[in-house]
Amino acid sequence: MERILRFCFELALKEGRKKVTFTHKAHVLTYTDEPMRQMFYEIAKKYPSVEAEDMTIDACAMQIVMRPERFDIVFAENANGDVLSDVGAGVVGGMGFAYSGNIGDAMGVFEPIHGTAPKYADKNVVNPIAAIMAARMMFDYLGEKTTGSHIEKAITDVLVEGKVRTYDLGGASTTSQVAEAISEKLRRDSEEIGR
């Protein structure tokens, strides 16, 4: 627990974030969440430049919907994190935009928050942006921020253009068509940079 909490504050420093929010049900889960909440504030003392706040999971879910801009880094244990990641996905447009990184001491694994979504296997209909953004996050983690920013720009360009969209965005394009459109934008961007 201590390692994860420190990671949140270290990430805040690394990313230039101003606040870490600890989510919990400490008033109900007095033997688990309350000691974690206390540890959170003990660790926070070592990071005076980062604001530390705690919030119940239900209040946090409501605030993500009503005022998502108030958050920088949100700490949530597994069950709370599952709820909040789906709420956050809904706020930004759906599961097709929600990506994640599972970062340990020596490595990281990056994926869409929906995991493998086996019910969509071989149907070529899902939005590939979460998977592509997970790759962008991986490049950032590896220190290849320029590559990551090019990937994000290609995605943004395709979305703004609005010609190629999967069903969840009101379109009829396939997974492959969206991925190819993003790849094409990325290739053009690379060629322009190379000139």
N, C-alpha and C. Protein backbone atom coordinates (compact mmCIF):
# COMPACT_ATOMS: atom_id res chain seq x y z
N MET A 1 0.83 -1.19 0.00
CA MET A 1 0.00 0.00 0.00
C MET A 1 0.87 1.25 0.00
N GLU A 2 1.89 1.21 0.81
CA GLU A 2 2.79 2.36 0.91
C GLU A 2 3.46 2.63 -0.44
N ARG A 3 3.86 1.57 -1.12
CA ARG A 3 4.53 1.71 -2.42
C ARG A 3 3.61 2.36 -3.45
N ILE A 4 2.34 1.95 -3.45
CA ILE A 4 1.38 2.51 -4.41
C ILE A 4 1.11 3.97 -4.11
N LEU A 5 0.96 4.29 -2.84
CA LEU A 5 0.70 5.69 -2.46
C LEU A 5 1.89 6.57 -2.83
N ARG A 6 3.09 6.09 -2.55
CA ARG A 6 4.28 6.87 -2.94
C ARG A 6 4.33 7.07 -4.46
N PHE A 7 3.96 6.02 -5.19
CA PHE A 7 3.94 6.12 -6.64
C PHE A 7 3.04 7.27 -7.09
N CYS A 8 1.88 7.41 -6.47
CA CYS A 8 0.95 8.50 -6.83
C CYS A 8 1.60 9.86 -6.67
N PHE A 9 2.28 10.07 -5.54
CA PHE A 9 2.91 11.36 -5.29
C PHE A 9 4.12 11.57 -6.19
N GLU A 10 4.88 10.52 -6.43
CA GLU A 10 6.02 10.63 -7.35
C GLU A 10 5.54 10.94 -8.77
N LEU A 11 4.45 10.31 -9.17
CA LEU A 11 3.87 10.59 -10.49
C LEU A 11 3.42 12.04 -10.58
N ALA A 12 2.82 12.55 -9.51
CA ALA A 12 2.40 13.95 -9.49
C ALA A 12 3.59 14.87 -9.71
N LEU A 13 4.70 14.60 -9.04
CA LEU A 13 5.90 15.42 -9.23
C LEU A 13 6.43 15.30 -10.66
N LYS A 14 6.52 14.07 -11.14
CA LYS A 14 7.06 13.81 -12.49
C LYS A 14 6.22 14.48 -13.58
N GLU A 15 4.89 14.43 -13.42
CA GLU A 15 3.98 14.95 -14.44
C GLU A 15 3.59 16.41 -14.21
N GLY A 16 4.10 17.01 -13.15
CA GLY A 16 3.74 18.40 -12.85
C GLY A 16 2.29 18.55 -12.40
N ARG A 17 1.76 17.53 -11.75
CA ARG A 17 0.38 17.57 -11.25
C ARG A 17 0.36 18.21 -9.87
N LYS A 18 -0.78 18.77 -9.51
CA LYS A 18 -0.85 19.54 -8.27
C LYS A 18 -1.56 18.81 -7.13
N LYS A 19 -2.30 17.73 -7.42
CA LYS A 19 -3.13 17.13 -6.38
C LYS A 19 -3.27 15.63 -6.56
N VAL A 20 -3.32 14.91 -5.42
CA VAL A 20 -3.64 13.49 -5.39
C VAL A 20 -4.88 13.32 -4.53
N THR A 21 -5.87 12.63 -5.09
CA THR A 21 -7.12 12.36 -4.37
C THR A 21 -7.19 10.89 -4.02
N PHE A 22 -7.36 10.60 -2.73
CA PHE A 22 -7.47 9.24 -2.23
C PHE A 22 -8.95 8.90 -2.07
N THR A 23 -9.41 7.85 -2.75
CA THR A 23 -10.83 7.47 -2.65
C THR A 23 -10.99 6.30 -1.69
N HIS A 24 -12.12 6.25 -1.02
CA HIS A 24 -12.30 5.26 0.04
C HIS A 24 -13.76 5.15 0.47
N LYS A 25 -13.98 4.24 1.41
CA LYS A 25 -15.22 4.13 2.18
C LYS A 25 -14.81 3.95 3.64
N ALA A 26 -13.94 4.82 4.12
CA ALA A 26 -13.34 4.69 5.44
C ALA A 26 -14.36 4.69 6.57
N HIS A 27 -15.46 5.37 6.40
CA HIS A 27 -16.47 5.42 7.46
C HIS A 27 -17.21 4.09 7.59
N VAL A 28 -17.14 3.25 6.57
CA VAL A 28 -17.78 1.93 6.59
C VAL A 28 -16.72 0.83 6.75
N LEU A 29 -15.66 0.94 5.99
CA LEU A 29 -14.58 -0.06 6.02
C LEU A 29 -13.49 0.41 6.97
N THR A 30 -13.82 0.43 8.25
CA THR A 30 -12.95 1.04 9.25
C THR A 30 -11.65 0.28 9.50
N TYR A 31 -11.62 -1.02 9.18
CA TYR A 31 -10.40 -1.81 9.42
C TYR A 31 -9.48 -1.87 8.21
N THR A 32 -9.96 -1.43 7.07
CA THR A 32 -9.13 -1.46 5.86
C THR A 32 -8.93 -0.06 5.29
N ASP A 33 -9.99 0.60 4.90
CA ASP A 33 -9.85 1.89 4.24
C ASP A 33 -9.36 2.99 5.19
N GLU A 34 -9.78 2.96 6.45
CA GLU A 34 -9.34 4.02 7.37
C GLU A 34 -7.83 3.97 7.63
N PRO A 35 -7.23 2.80 7.90
CA PRO A 35 -5.77 2.79 8.04
C PRO A 35 -5.05 3.22 6.76
N MET A 36 -5.60 2.88 5.59
CA MET A 36 -5.00 3.31 4.33
C MET A 36 -5.09 4.83 4.19
N ARG A 37 -6.22 5.38 4.59
CA ARG A 37 -6.39 6.84 4.52
C ARG A 37 -5.38 7.54 5.42
N GLN A 38 -5.17 6.99 6.61
CA GLN A 38 -4.18 7.57 7.51
C GLN A 38 -2.77 7.49 6.93
N MET A 39 -2.45 6.33 6.33
CA MET A 39 -1.14 6.18 5.69
C MET A 39 -0.98 7.18 4.55
N PHE A 40 -2.04 7.39 3.79
CA PHE A 40 -2.02 8.36 2.69
C PHE A 40 -1.57 9.73 3.20
N TYR A 41 -2.15 10.18 4.28
CA TYR A 41 -1.79 11.50 4.80
C TYR A 41 -0.39 11.54 5.42
N GLU A 42 0.07 10.43 5.98
CA GLU A 42 1.44 10.36 6.48
C GLU A 42 2.44 10.50 5.33
N ILE A 43 2.19 9.79 4.25
CA ILE A 43 3.07 9.86 3.08
C ILE A 43 2.97 11.23 2.44
N ALA A 44 1.80 11.81 2.41
CA ALA A 44 1.59 13.14 1.80
C ALA A 44 2.47 14.20 2.45
N LYS A 45 2.79 14.05 3.73
CA LYS A 45 3.63 15.03 4.44
C LYS A 45 5.01 15.15 3.79
N LYS A 46 5.45 14.08 3.14
CA LYS A 46 6.77 14.09 2.51
C LYS A 46 6.74 14.77 1.13
N TYR A 47 5.55 15.15 0.67
CA TYR A 47 5.38 15.79 -0.63
C TYR A 47 4.60 17.09 -0.46
N PRO A 48 5.18 18.08 0.20
CA PRO A 48 4.43 19.31 0.53
C PRO A 48 3.99 20.12 -0.68
N SER A 49 4.61 19.90 -1.83
CA SER A 49 4.22 20.67 -3.01
C SER A 49 2.99 20.09 -3.71
N VAL A 50 2.54 18.91 -3.25
CA VAL A 50 1.38 18.26 -3.87
C VAL A 50 0.22 18.27 -2.86
N GLU A 51 -0.90 18.81 -3.27
CA GLU A 51 -2.07 18.81 -2.40
C GLU A 51 -2.60 17.39 -2.24
N ALA A 52 -2.98 17.03 -1.03
CA ALA A 52 -3.55 15.72 -0.75
C ALA A 52 -4.97 15.90 -0.24
N GLU A 53 -5.90 15.14 -0.83
CA GLU A 53 -7.27 15.17 -0.36
C GLU A 53 -7.83 13.76 -0.38
N ASP A 54 -8.85 13.52 0.45
CA ASP A 54 -9.52 12.23 0.38
C ASP A 54 -11.00 12.49 0.11
N MET A 55 -11.64 11.48 -0.48
CA MET A 55 -13.03 11.61 -0.89
C MET A 55 -13.65 10.23 -0.92
N THR A 56 -14.89 10.11 -0.47
CA THR A 56 -15.56 8.82 -0.57
C THR A 56 -15.74 8.47 -2.04
N ILE A 57 -15.76 7.19 -2.33
CA ILE A 57 -15.86 6.72 -3.70
C ILE A 57 -17.12 7.23 -4.38
N ASP A 58 -18.24 7.26 -3.67
CA ASP A 58 -19.49 7.72 -4.27
C ASP A 58 -19.43 9.20 -4.61
N ALA A 59 -18.87 10.01 -3.71
CA ALA A 59 -18.73 11.44 -4.00
C ALA A 59 -17.76 11.66 -5.17
N CYS A 60 -16.70 10.85 -5.22
CA CYS A 60 -15.73 10.97 -6.31
C CYS A 60 -16.39 10.64 -7.65
N ALA A 61 -17.20 9.59 -7.69
CA ALA A 61 -17.89 9.23 -8.94
C ALA A 61 -18.77 10.37 -9.41
N MET A 62 -19.49 11.00 -8.49
CA MET A 62 -20.34 12.12 -8.86
C MET A 62 -19.51 13.30 -9.38
N GLN A 63 -18.39 13.59 -8.69
CA GLN A 63 -17.55 14.72 -9.10
C GLN A 63 -16.88 14.47 -10.46
N ILE A 64 -16.55 13.21 -10.76
CA ILE A 64 -15.97 12.91 -12.07
C ILE A 64 -16.96 13.26 -13.18
N VAL A 65 -18.23 13.03 -12.92
CA VAL A 65 -19.26 13.36 -13.91
C VAL A 65 -19.50 14.87 -13.95
N MET A 66 -19.61 15.51 -12.80
CA MET A 66 -19.99 16.91 -12.74
C MET A 66 -18.83 17.89 -12.93
N ARG A 67 -17.65 17.55 -12.38
CA ARG A 67 -16.51 18.45 -12.43
C ARG A 67 -15.20 17.68 -12.60
N PRO A 68 -15.03 16.99 -13.71
CA PRO A 68 -13.82 16.16 -13.87
C PRO A 68 -12.52 16.96 -13.82
N GLU A 69 -12.58 18.23 -14.15
CA GLU A 69 -11.38 19.06 -14.18
C GLU A 69 -10.79 19.29 -12.79
N ARG A 70 -11.52 18.95 -11.73
CA ARG A 70 -11.02 19.19 -10.37
C ARG A 70 -10.00 18.14 -9.94
N PHE A 71 -9.84 17.07 -10.75
CA PHE A 71 -8.93 15.98 -10.39
C PHE A 71 -7.63 16.05 -11.19
N ASP A 72 -6.57 15.61 -10.54
CA ASP A 72 -5.28 15.42 -11.20
C ASP A 72 -4.94 13.93 -11.21
N ILE A 73 -4.63 13.40 -10.04
CA ILE A 73 -4.34 11.98 -9.89
C ILE A 73 -5.30 11.43 -8.85
N VAL A 74 -5.98 10.34 -9.20
CA VAL A 74 -6.94 9.73 -8.29
C VAL A 74 -6.42 8.35 -7.91
N PHE A 75 -6.29 8.11 -6.60
CA PHE A 75 -5.92 6.80 -6.11
C PHE A 75 -7.19 6.04 -5.77
N ALA A 76 -7.30 4.81 -6.27
CA ALA A 76 -8.45 3.96 -5.95
C ALA A 76 -7.97 2.52 -5.91
N GLU A 77 -8.34 1.81 -4.85
CA GLU A 77 -8.00 0.38 -4.83
C GLU A 77 -8.82 -0.32 -5.91
N ASN A 78 -8.61 -1.60 -6.11
CA ASN A 78 -9.13 -2.30 -7.28
C ASN A 78 -10.63 -2.14 -7.50
N ALA A 79 -11.46 -2.41 -6.50
CA ALA A 79 -12.91 -2.33 -6.70
C ALA A 79 -13.34 -0.90 -7.02
N ASN A 80 -12.82 0.06 -6.25
CA ASN A 80 -13.15 1.47 -6.53
C ASN A 80 -12.62 1.90 -7.89
N GLY A 81 -11.43 1.42 -8.23
CA GLY A 81 -10.85 1.77 -9.52
C GLY A 81 -11.66 1.24 -10.69
N ASP A 82 -12.22 0.04 -10.55
CA ASP A 82 -13.08 -0.50 -11.60
C ASP A 82 -14.30 0.38 -11.82
N VAL A 83 -14.90 0.83 -10.73
CA VAL A 83 -16.08 1.71 -10.84
C VAL A 83 -15.68 3.04 -11.48
N LEU A 84 -14.64 3.67 -10.96
CA LEU A 84 -14.25 4.99 -11.45
C LEU A 84 -13.76 4.97 -12.89
N SER A 85 -13.08 3.90 -13.30
CA SER A 85 -12.59 3.86 -14.68
C SER A 85 -13.77 3.79 -15.66
N ASP A 86 -14.82 3.08 -15.30
CA ASP A 86 -16.00 3.03 -16.18
C ASP A 86 -16.75 4.36 -16.17
N VAL A 87 -16.85 4.99 -15.00
CA VAL A 87 -17.48 6.32 -14.94
C VAL A 87 -16.69 7.30 -15.80
N GLY A 88 -15.37 7.28 -15.65
CA GLY A 88 -14.52 8.17 -16.45
C GLY A 88 -14.64 7.89 -17.94
N ALA A 89 -14.74 6.61 -18.31
CA ALA A 89 -14.91 6.25 -19.72
C ALA A 89 -16.20 6.85 -20.26
N GLY A 90 -17.26 6.79 -19.45
CA GLY A 90 -18.53 7.36 -19.87
C GLY A 90 -18.44 8.86 -20.08
N VAL A 91 -17.66 9.53 -19.25
CA VAL A 91 -17.51 10.98 -19.35
C VAL A 91 -16.79 11.38 -20.64
N VAL A 92 -15.80 10.58 -21.05
CA VAL A 92 -15.00 10.95 -22.22
C VAL A 92 -15.50 10.37 -23.53
N GLY A 93 -16.59 9.59 -23.50
CA GLY A 93 -17.15 9.10 -24.76
C GLY A 93 -17.32 7.61 -24.86
N GLY A 94 -16.91 6.86 -23.87
CA GLY A 94 -17.11 5.41 -23.89
C GLY A 94 -15.84 4.63 -23.71
N MET A 95 -16.02 3.31 -23.63
CA MET A 95 -14.89 2.41 -23.39
C MET A 95 -13.85 2.46 -24.51
N GLY A 96 -14.25 2.86 -25.67
CA GLY A 96 -13.32 2.94 -26.80
C GLY A 96 -12.24 4.00 -26.63
N PHE A 97 -12.37 4.86 -25.61
CA PHE A 97 -11.37 5.90 -25.35
C PHE A 97 -10.59 5.68 -24.07
N ALA A 98 -10.92 4.65 -23.31
CA ALA A 98 -10.35 4.48 -21.97
C ALA A 98 -9.19 3.48 -21.99
N TYR A 99 -8.02 3.97 -21.67
CA TYR A 99 -6.82 3.15 -21.69
C TYR A 99 -6.17 3.17 -20.31
N SER A 100 -5.24 2.25 -20.08
CA SER A 100 -4.64 2.17 -18.75
C SER A 100 -3.21 1.67 -18.81
N GLY A 101 -2.53 1.91 -17.70
CA GLY A 101 -1.19 1.39 -17.51
C GLY A 101 -1.10 0.73 -16.15
N ASN A 102 -0.59 -0.47 -16.11
CA ASN A 102 -0.36 -1.17 -14.85
C ASN A 102 1.15 -1.14 -14.64
N ILE A 103 1.60 -0.24 -13.77
CA ILE A 103 3.02 0.07 -13.67
C ILE A 103 3.59 -0.44 -12.35
N GLY A 104 4.61 -1.27 -12.46
CA GLY A 104 5.29 -1.81 -11.29
C GLY A 104 6.65 -1.16 -11.12
N ASP A 105 7.46 -1.75 -10.26
CA ASP A 105 8.79 -1.20 -10.00
C ASP A 105 9.73 -1.34 -11.21
N ALA A 106 9.58 -2.41 -11.97
CA ALA A 106 10.52 -2.68 -13.04
C ALA A 106 9.92 -2.69 -14.44
N MET A 107 8.59 -2.69 -14.53
CA MET A 107 7.98 -2.75 -15.86
C MET A 107 6.54 -2.24 -15.81
N GLY A 108 5.97 -2.07 -16.98
CA GLY A 108 4.58 -1.67 -17.09
C GLY A 108 3.88 -2.46 -18.17
N VAL A 109 2.59 -2.64 -18.01
CA VAL A 109 1.74 -3.31 -19.00
C VAL A 109 0.63 -2.32 -19.34
N PHE A 110 0.37 -2.11 -20.62
CA PHE A 110 -0.57 -1.09 -21.05
C PHE A 110 -1.66 -1.72 -21.90
N GLU A 111 -2.91 -1.30 -21.64
CA GLU A 111 -4.05 -1.93 -22.31
C GLU A 111 -5.27 -1.02 -22.21
N PRO A 112 -6.27 -1.29 -23.06
CA PRO A 112 -7.56 -0.61 -22.87
C PRO A 112 -8.15 -1.08 -21.54
N ILE A 113 -8.95 -0.25 -20.89
CA ILE A 113 -9.50 -0.67 -19.59
C ILE A 113 -10.48 -1.82 -19.73
N HIS A 114 -11.05 -1.99 -20.92
CA HIS A 114 -12.01 -3.08 -21.09
C HIS A 114 -11.33 -4.43 -21.27
N GLY A 115 -10.01 -4.48 -21.28
CA GLY A 115 -9.30 -5.75 -21.46
C GLY A 115 -9.50 -6.30 -22.86
N THR A 116 -9.66 -7.60 -22.96
CA THR A 116 -9.72 -8.25 -24.28
C THR A 116 -11.08 -8.16 -24.94
N ALA A 117 -12.15 -7.90 -24.19
CA ALA A 117 -13.51 -7.82 -24.74
C ALA A 117 -13.79 -8.99 -25.69
N PRO A 118 -13.74 -10.23 -25.20
CA PRO A 118 -13.87 -11.39 -26.08
C PRO A 118 -15.17 -11.46 -26.87
N LYS A 119 -16.23 -10.84 -26.38
CA LYS A 119 -17.48 -10.92 -27.15
C LYS A 119 -17.39 -10.18 -28.49
N TYR A 120 -16.36 -9.34 -28.64
CA TYR A 120 -16.17 -8.62 -29.90
C TYR A 120 -15.07 -9.23 -30.77
N ALA A 121 -14.49 -10.33 -30.33
CA ALA A 121 -13.39 -10.95 -31.07
C ALA A 121 -13.81 -11.27 -32.50
N ASP A 122 -12.96 -10.93 -33.44
CA ASP A 122 -13.14 -11.22 -34.87
C ASP A 122 -14.34 -10.52 -35.51
N LYS A 123 -14.91 -9.52 -34.85
CA LYS A 123 -16.06 -8.81 -35.43
C LYS A 123 -15.65 -7.52 -36.14
N ASN A 124 -14.46 -7.00 -35.84
CA ASN A 124 -13.93 -5.82 -36.52
C ASN A 124 -14.87 -4.62 -36.41
N VAL A 125 -15.44 -4.43 -35.22
CA VAL A 125 -16.40 -3.33 -35.04
C VAL A 125 -16.03 -2.35 -33.92
N VAL A 126 -15.13 -2.73 -33.02
CA VAL A 126 -14.87 -1.88 -31.86
C VAL A 126 -13.94 -0.72 -32.18
N ASN A 127 -14.04 0.30 -31.37
CA ASN A 127 -13.20 1.48 -31.48
C ASN A 127 -11.78 1.11 -31.02
N PRO A 128 -10.77 1.26 -31.88
CA PRO A 128 -9.41 0.87 -31.50
C PRO A 128 -8.64 1.96 -30.76
N ILE A 129 -9.25 3.10 -30.53
CA ILE A 129 -8.51 4.24 -29.98
C ILE A 129 -7.95 3.94 -28.59
N ALA A 130 -8.70 3.24 -27.74
CA ALA A 130 -8.18 2.92 -26.40
C ALA A 130 -6.89 2.09 -26.50
N ALA A 131 -6.87 1.13 -27.41
CA ALA A 131 -5.67 0.30 -27.57
C ALA A 131 -4.51 1.12 -28.11
N ILE A 132 -4.80 2.02 -29.05
CA ILE A 132 -3.74 2.85 -29.62
C ILE A 132 -3.23 3.85 -28.58
N MET A 133 -4.13 4.40 -27.78
CA MET A 133 -3.71 5.33 -26.72
C MET A 133 -2.93 4.59 -25.62
N ALA A 134 -3.24 3.32 -25.40
CA ALA A 134 -2.44 2.54 -24.45
C ALA A 134 -1.00 2.43 -24.97
N ALA A 135 -0.85 2.27 -26.29
CA ALA A 135 0.49 2.24 -26.89
C ALA A 135 1.18 3.59 -26.72
N ARG A 136 0.41 4.68 -26.89
CA ARG A 136 0.98 6.01 -26.66
C ARG A 136 1.48 6.14 -25.23
N MET A 137 0.68 5.65 -24.29
CA MET A 137 1.08 5.70 -22.88
C MET A 137 2.35 4.88 -22.66
N MET A 138 2.48 3.75 -23.34
CA MET A 138 3.67 2.93 -23.23
C MET A 138 4.89 3.69 -23.73
N PHE A 139 4.76 4.37 -24.86
CA PHE A 139 5.89 5.16 -25.37
C PHE A 139 6.29 6.25 -24.37
N ASP A 140 5.31 6.91 -23.76
CA ASP A 140 5.63 7.91 -22.74
C ASP A 140 6.40 7.27 -21.59
N TYR A 141 5.93 6.11 -21.13
CA TYR A 141 6.57 5.38 -20.04
C TYR A 141 8.02 5.04 -20.40
N LEU A 142 8.27 4.70 -21.66
CA LEU A 142 9.61 4.34 -22.11
C LEU A 142 10.49 5.55 -22.40
N GLY A 143 9.94 6.76 -22.17
CA GLY A 143 10.70 7.98 -22.40
C GLY A 143 10.64 8.47 -23.83
N GLU A 144 9.78 7.90 -24.64
CA GLU A 144 9.62 8.28 -26.05
C GLU A 144 8.42 9.22 -26.20
N LYS A 145 8.45 10.33 -25.49
CA LYS A 145 7.30 11.24 -25.45
C LYS A 145 6.99 11.85 -26.83
N THR A 146 8.00 12.06 -27.64
CA THR A 146 7.76 12.62 -28.98
C THR A 146 6.93 11.64 -29.80
N THR A 147 7.29 10.38 -29.76
CA THR A 147 6.51 9.36 -30.47
C THR A 147 5.08 9.33 -29.95
N GLY A 148 4.95 9.36 -28.63
CA GLY A 148 3.61 9.38 -28.02
C GLY A 148 2.78 10.56 -28.47
N SER A 149 3.39 11.73 -28.54
CA SER A 149 2.63 12.91 -28.95
C SER A 149 2.23 12.84 -30.43
N HIS A 150 3.05 12.21 -31.27
CA HIS A 150 2.68 12.02 -32.67
C HIS A 150 1.48 11.08 -32.81
N ILE A 151 1.47 10.03 -32.00
CA ILE A 151 0.33 9.10 -32.02
C ILE A 151 -0.94 9.83 -31.61
N GLU A 152 -0.86 10.59 -30.54
CA GLU A 152 -2.05 11.31 -30.07
C GLU A 152 -2.53 12.33 -31.09
N LYS A 153 -1.60 13.00 -31.75
CA LYS A 153 -1.98 13.98 -32.79
C LYS A 153 -2.69 13.28 -33.94
N ALA A 154 -2.20 12.12 -34.35
CA ALA A 154 -2.84 11.37 -35.44
C ALA A 154 -4.27 10.98 -35.07
N ILE A 155 -4.47 10.54 -33.84
CA ILE A 155 -5.82 10.19 -33.38
C ILE A 155 -6.72 11.42 -33.40
N THR A 156 -6.21 12.52 -32.86
CA THR A 156 -6.99 13.77 -32.82
C THR A 156 -7.36 14.22 -34.22
N ASP A 157 -6.41 14.15 -35.14
CA ASP A 157 -6.68 14.56 -36.52
C ASP A 157 -7.81 13.73 -37.15
N VAL A 158 -7.78 12.42 -36.92
CA VAL A 158 -8.83 11.55 -37.47
C VAL A 158 -10.18 11.88 -36.84
N LEU A 159 -10.20 12.09 -35.53
CA LEU A 159 -11.47 12.42 -34.86
C LEU A 159 -12.03 13.75 -35.32
N VAL A 160 -11.16 14.74 -35.46
CA VAL A 160 -11.61 16.07 -35.89
C VAL A 160 -12.12 16.02 -37.33
N GLU A 161 -11.42 15.27 -38.17
CA GLU A 161 -11.85 15.12 -39.57
C GLU A 161 -13.25 14.50 -39.65
N GLY A 162 -13.53 13.54 -38.77
CA GLY A 162 -14.87 12.97 -38.64
C GLY A 162 -15.34 12.06 -39.76
N LYS A 163 -14.47 11.65 -40.65
CA LYS A 163 -14.89 10.80 -41.78
C LYS A 163 -14.93 9.32 -41.41
N VAL A 164 -14.04 8.91 -40.53
CA VAL A 164 -13.91 7.51 -40.18
C VAL A 164 -14.22 7.37 -38.69
N ARG A 165 -15.36 6.72 -38.39
CA ARG A 165 -15.78 6.56 -37.00
C ARG A 165 -16.46 5.21 -36.82
N THR A 166 -16.18 4.58 -35.68
CA THR A 166 -16.84 3.32 -35.36
C THR A 166 -18.26 3.58 -34.86
N TYR A 167 -19.01 2.51 -34.69
CA TYR A 167 -20.43 2.62 -34.32
C TYR A 167 -20.66 3.41 -33.05
N ASP A 168 -19.76 3.31 -32.06
CA ASP A 168 -19.94 4.01 -30.79
C ASP A 168 -19.82 5.52 -30.94
N LEU A 169 -19.28 5.97 -32.08
CA LEU A 169 -19.16 7.40 -32.37
C LEU A 169 -20.14 7.83 -33.44
N GLY A 170 -21.14 6.98 -33.69
CA GLY A 170 -22.16 7.32 -34.68
C GLY A 170 -21.79 7.01 -36.10
N GLY A 171 -20.72 6.28 -36.31
CA GLY A 171 -20.29 5.94 -37.67
C GLY A 171 -20.51 4.48 -38.00
N ALA A 172 -20.00 4.08 -39.15
CA ALA A 172 -20.15 2.69 -39.59
C ALA A 172 -18.80 2.09 -39.98
N SER A 173 -17.70 2.75 -39.61
CA SER A 173 -16.37 2.26 -39.97
C SER A 173 -15.98 1.06 -39.11
N THR A 174 -15.13 0.23 -39.66
CA THR A 174 -14.64 -0.94 -38.93
C THR A 174 -13.45 -0.54 -38.05
N THR A 175 -13.08 -1.45 -37.18
CA THR A 175 -11.88 -1.27 -36.35
C THR A 175 -10.67 -1.04 -37.25
N SER A 176 -10.56 -1.87 -38.28
CA SER A 176 -9.41 -1.79 -39.20
C SER A 176 -9.38 -0.46 -39.94
N GLN A 177 -10.53 0.03 -40.37
CA GLN A 177 -10.58 1.29 -41.10
C GLN A 177 -10.13 2.46 -40.23
N VAL A 178 -10.57 2.47 -38.97
CA VAL A 178 -10.15 3.55 -38.06
C VAL A 178 -8.65 3.44 -37.78
N ALA A 179 -8.19 2.23 -37.51
CA ALA A 179 -6.76 2.03 -37.24
C ALA A 179 -5.92 2.44 -38.45
N GLU A 180 -6.37 2.10 -39.65
CA GLU A 180 -5.63 2.48 -40.86
C GLU A 180 -5.63 3.99 -41.07
N ALA A 181 -6.75 4.64 -40.79
CA ALA A 181 -6.81 6.11 -40.93
C ALA A 181 -5.83 6.78 -39.96
N ILE A 182 -5.75 6.26 -38.75
CA ILE A 182 -4.80 6.81 -37.77
C ILE A 182 -3.37 6.52 -38.21
N SER A 183 -3.12 5.32 -38.71
CA SER A 183 -1.78 4.97 -39.20
C SER A 183 -1.36 5.87 -40.34
N GLU A 184 -2.30 6.15 -41.24
CA GLU A 184 -1.99 7.02 -42.39
C GLU A 184 -1.63 8.43 -41.92
N LYS A 185 -2.38 8.95 -40.97
CA LYS A 185 -2.05 10.29 -40.42
C LYS A 185 -0.67 10.26 -39.77
N LEU A 186 -0.37 9.19 -39.07
CA LEU A 186 0.93 9.07 -38.41
C LEU A 186 2.05 8.99 -39.44
N ARG A 187 1.84 8.25 -40.54
CA ARG A 187 2.85 8.17 -41.60
C ARG A 187 3.08 9.54 -42.23
N ARG A 188 2.00 10.24 -42.54
CA ARG A 188 2.14 11.58 -43.14
C ARG A 188 2.87 12.53 -42.21
N ASP A 189 2.53 12.46 -40.93
CA ASP A 189 3.19 13.32 -39.94
C ASP A 189 4.68 13.01 -39.89
N SER A 190 5.04 11.74 -39.94
CA SER A 190 6.44 11.32 -39.91
C SER A 190 7.18 11.80 -41.14
N GLU A 191 6.51 11.72 -42.30
CA GLU A 191 7.14 12.17 -43.55
C GLU A 191 7.38 13.67 -43.52
N GLU A 192 6.43 14.42 -43.00
CA GLU A 192 6.59 15.88 -42.91
C GLU A 192 7.73 16.25 -41.96
N ILE A 193 7.86 15.51 -40.85
CA ILE A 193 8.93 15.79 -39.90
C ILE A 193 10.28 15.45 -40.53
N GLY A 194 10.31 14.38 -41.34
CA GLY A 194 11.56 13.94 -41.97
C GLY A 194 12.07 14.89 -43.03
N ARG A 195 11.21 15.77 -43.53
CA ARG A 195 11.63 16.69 -44.60
C ARG A 195 12.45 17.84 -44.08
